[in-house]
Amino acid sequence: MHAVAQHVFRKEITALESRRAQAELQRDLGGGLWLMAALPEDVWETFAALARRHGPRLGVRTLDSLHVAAALGLGGKTFWTFDQKQAKLAAAAGLQTF
């Protein structure tokens, strides 16, 4: 939802297009395309460790570290992203990136 809101803020899409995109995401969630999962408690420790260990070298943002920590905490082996810094962090954490 934040990504969609950012596109509205940058005037790349309209508010109506934003509502449509959010409705599609909700439909996909209801249809089982996306899985809602609680984060394991250790994700927050992993998140902080990733920031300490790799943040100064890679310049990753808070949400980059959180996304990678969540993937690790949920047992992920691969990590898909279009963000190059996030991909570098995921690779440094041992995830296969695409």
C-alpha atoms as a PDB file:
ATOM      1  CA  MET A   1       0.000   0.000   0.000  1.00  0.00           C
ATOM      2  CA  HIS A   2       2.893   2.360   0.683  1.00  0.00           C
ATOM      3  CA  ALA A   3       4.305   1.806  -2.791  1.00  0.00           C
ATOM      4  CA  VAL A   4       0.943   2.626  -4.368  1.00  0.00           C
ATOM      5  CA  ALA A   5       0.651   5.738  -2.202  1.00  0.00           C
ATOM      6  CA  GLN A   6       4.125   6.841  -3.293  1.00  0.00           C
ATOM      7  CA  HIS A   7       3.035   6.683  -6.936  1.00  0.00           C
ATOM      8  CA  VAL A   8       0.080   8.946  -6.137  1.00  0.00           C
ATOM      9  CA  PHE A   9       2.363  11.327  -4.244  1.00  0.00           C
ATOM     10  CA  ARG A  10       4.689  11.531  -7.264  1.00  0.00           C
ATOM     11  CA  LYS A  11       1.628  12.055  -9.484  1.00  0.00           C
ATOM     12  CA  GLU A  12       2.484   8.942 -11.479  1.00  0.00           C
ATOM     13  CA  ILE A  13      -1.022   7.536 -10.943  1.00  0.00           C
ATOM     14  CA  THR A  14      -4.334   9.062  -9.906  1.00  0.00           C
ATOM     15  CA  ALA A  15      -6.214   8.499  -6.657  1.00  0.00           C
ATOM     16  CA  LEU A  16      -8.745   6.443  -8.602  1.00  0.00           C
ATOM     17  CA  GLU A  17      -5.991   4.230 -10.023  1.00  0.00           C
ATOM     18  CA  SER A  18      -4.622   3.871  -6.503  1.00  0.00           C
ATOM     19  CA  ARG A  19      -7.980   2.679  -5.166  1.00  0.00           C
ATOM     20  CA  ARG A  20      -8.249   0.196  -8.035  1.00  0.00           C
ATOM     21  CA  ALA A  21      -4.750  -1.148  -7.371  1.00  0.00           C
ATOM     22  CA  GLN A  22      -5.492  -1.498  -3.657  1.00  0.00           C
ATOM     23  CA  ALA A  23      -8.752  -3.301  -4.436  1.00  0.00           C
ATOM     24  CA  GLU A  24      -6.893  -5.699  -6.746  1.00  0.00           C
ATOM     25  CA  LEU A  25      -4.349  -6.396  -4.011  1.00  0.00           C
ATOM     26  CA  GLN A  26      -7.172  -7.140  -1.570  1.00  0.00           C
ATOM     27  CA  ARG A  27      -8.822  -9.474  -4.104  1.00  0.00           C
ATOM     28  CA  ASP A  28      -5.514 -11.263  -4.628  1.00  0.00           C
ATOM     29  CA  LEU A  29      -5.109 -11.624  -0.868  1.00  0.00           C
ATOM     30  CA  GLY A  30      -8.637 -13.003  -0.530  1.00  0.00           C
ATOM     31  CA  GLY A  31      -8.018 -15.357  -3.439  1.00  0.00           C
ATOM     32  CA  GLY A  32      -4.965 -16.872  -1.789  1.00  0.00           C
ATOM     33  CA  LEU A  33      -2.356 -15.360  -4.116  1.00  0.00           C
ATOM     34  CA  TRP A  34      -0.640 -13.737  -1.136  1.00  0.00           C
ATOM     35  CA  LEU A  35      -0.041 -15.381   2.213  1.00  0.00           C
ATOM     36  CA  MET A  36      -0.321 -13.418   5.439  1.00  0.00           C
ATOM     37  CA  ALA A  37       2.156 -14.746   7.980  1.00  0.00           C
ATOM     38  CA  ALA A  38       3.100 -13.595  11.450  1.00  0.00           C
ATOM     39  CA  LEU A  39       6.745 -12.702  11.817  1.00  0.00           C
ATOM     40  CA  PRO A  40       8.758 -14.886  14.178  1.00  0.00           C
ATOM     41  CA  GLU A  41      10.094 -13.014  17.220  1.00  0.00           C
ATOM     42  CA  ASP A  42      13.724 -13.386  16.133  1.00  0.00           C
ATOM     43  CA  VAL A  43      13.077 -11.374  12.962  1.00  0.00           C
ATOM     44  CA  TRP A  44      13.614  -8.163  14.919  1.00  0.00           C
ATOM     45  CA  GLU A  45      17.002  -9.349  16.193  1.00  0.00           C
ATOM     46  CA  THR A  46      17.984 -10.405  12.673  1.00  0.00           C
ATOM     47  CA  PHE A  47      16.756  -7.038  11.374  1.00  0.00           C
ATOM     48  CA  ALA A  48      19.015  -5.142  13.789  1.00  0.00           C
ATOM     49  CA  ALA A  49      21.976  -7.431  13.095  1.00  0.00           C
ATOM     50  CA  LEU A  50      21.630  -6.936   9.329  1.00  0.00           C
ATOM     51  CA  ALA A  51      21.550  -3.167   9.797  1.00  0.00           C
ATOM     52  CA  ARG A  52      24.649  -3.209  12.004  1.00  0.00           C
ATOM     53  CA  ARG A  53      26.624  -5.630   9.866  1.00  0.00           C
ATOM     54  CA  HIS A  54      25.725  -4.528   6.343  1.00  0.00           C
ATOM     55  CA  GLY A  55      24.127  -1.080   6.627  1.00  0.00           C
ATOM     56  CA  PRO A  56      27.317   0.983   6.727  1.00  0.00           C
ATOM     57  CA  ARG A  57      28.784  -0.809   3.706  1.00  0.00           C
ATOM     58  CA  LEU A  58      25.673  -1.207   1.545  1.00  0.00           C
ATOM     59  CA  GLY A  59      23.677   1.875   2.538  1.00  0.00           C
ATOM     60  CA  VAL A  60      20.456  -0.117   2.884  1.00  0.00           C
ATOM     61  CA  ARG A  61      17.270   1.429   4.189  1.00  0.00           C
ATOM     62  CA  THR A  62      15.219   0.323   7.181  1.00  0.00           C
ATOM     63  CA  LEU A  63      12.634  -1.537   5.102  1.00  0.00           C
ATOM     64  CA  ASP A  64      15.364  -3.280   3.101  1.00  0.00           C
ATOM     65  CA  SER A  65      16.677  -4.817   6.306  1.00  0.00           C
ATOM     66  CA  LEU A  66      13.185  -5.649   7.521  1.00  0.00           C
ATOM     67  CA  HIS A  67      12.232  -7.384   4.252  1.00  0.00           C
ATOM     68  CA  VAL A  68      15.397  -9.485   4.232  1.00  0.00           C
ATOM     69  CA  ALA A  69      15.069 -10.324   7.933  1.00  0.00           C
ATOM     70  CA  ALA A  70      11.450 -11.393   7.359  1.00  0.00           C
ATOM     71  CA  ALA A  71      12.481 -13.616   4.450  1.00  0.00           C
ATOM     72  CA  LEU A  72      15.141 -15.248   6.603  1.00  0.00           C
ATOM     73  CA  GLY A  73      12.843 -15.604   9.599  1.00  0.00           C
ATOM     74  CA  LEU A  74      10.142 -17.251   7.489  1.00  0.00           C
ATOM     75  CA  GLY A  75      12.630 -19.747   6.100  1.00  0.00           C
ATOM     76  CA  GLY A  76      13.014 -18.248   2.637  1.00  0.00           C
ATOM     77  CA  LYS A  77      15.766 -19.450   0.363  1.00  0.00           C
ATOM     78  CA  THR A  78      15.234 -17.053  -2.547  1.00  0.00           C
ATOM     79  CA  PHE A  79      14.546 -13.339  -2.610  1.00  0.00           C
ATOM     80  CA  TRP A  80      12.943 -11.459  -5.489  1.00  0.00           C
ATOM     81  CA  THR A  81      13.473  -7.714  -5.782  1.00  0.00           C
ATOM     82  CA  PHE A  82      14.067  -4.974  -8.332  1.00  0.00           C
ATOM     83  CA  ASP A  83      15.993  -2.931  -5.751  1.00  0.00           C
ATOM     84  CA  GLN A  84      19.747  -3.349  -6.171  1.00  0.00           C
ATOM     85  CA  LYS A  85      20.667  -2.425  -2.583  1.00  0.00           C
ATOM     86  CA  GLN A  86      18.064  -4.809  -1.221  1.00  0.00           C
ATOM     87  CA  ALA A  87      19.377  -7.557  -3.536  1.00  0.00           C
ATOM     88  CA  LYS A  88      22.927  -6.996  -2.295  1.00  0.00           C
ATOM     89  CA  LEU A  89      21.758  -7.249   1.305  1.00  0.00           C
ATOM     90  CA  ALA A  90      19.773 -10.418   0.603  1.00  0.00           C
ATOM     91  CA  ALA A  91      22.770 -11.994  -1.127  1.00  0.00           C
ATOM     92  CA  ALA A  92      25.061 -10.979   1.756  1.00  0.00           C
ATOM     93  CA  ALA A  93      22.595 -12.669   4.121  1.00  0.00           C
ATOM     94  CA  GLY A  94      22.788 -15.910   2.130  1.00  0.00           C
ATOM     95  CA  LEU A  95      19.624 -15.702   0.091  1.00  0.00           C
ATOM     96  CA  GLN A  96      19.584 -16.471  -3.634  1.00  0.00           C
ATOM     97  CA  THR A  97      18.392 -13.328  -5.405  1.00  0.00           C
ATOM     98  CA  PHE A  98      16.435 -12.738  -8.599  1.00  0.00           C
END
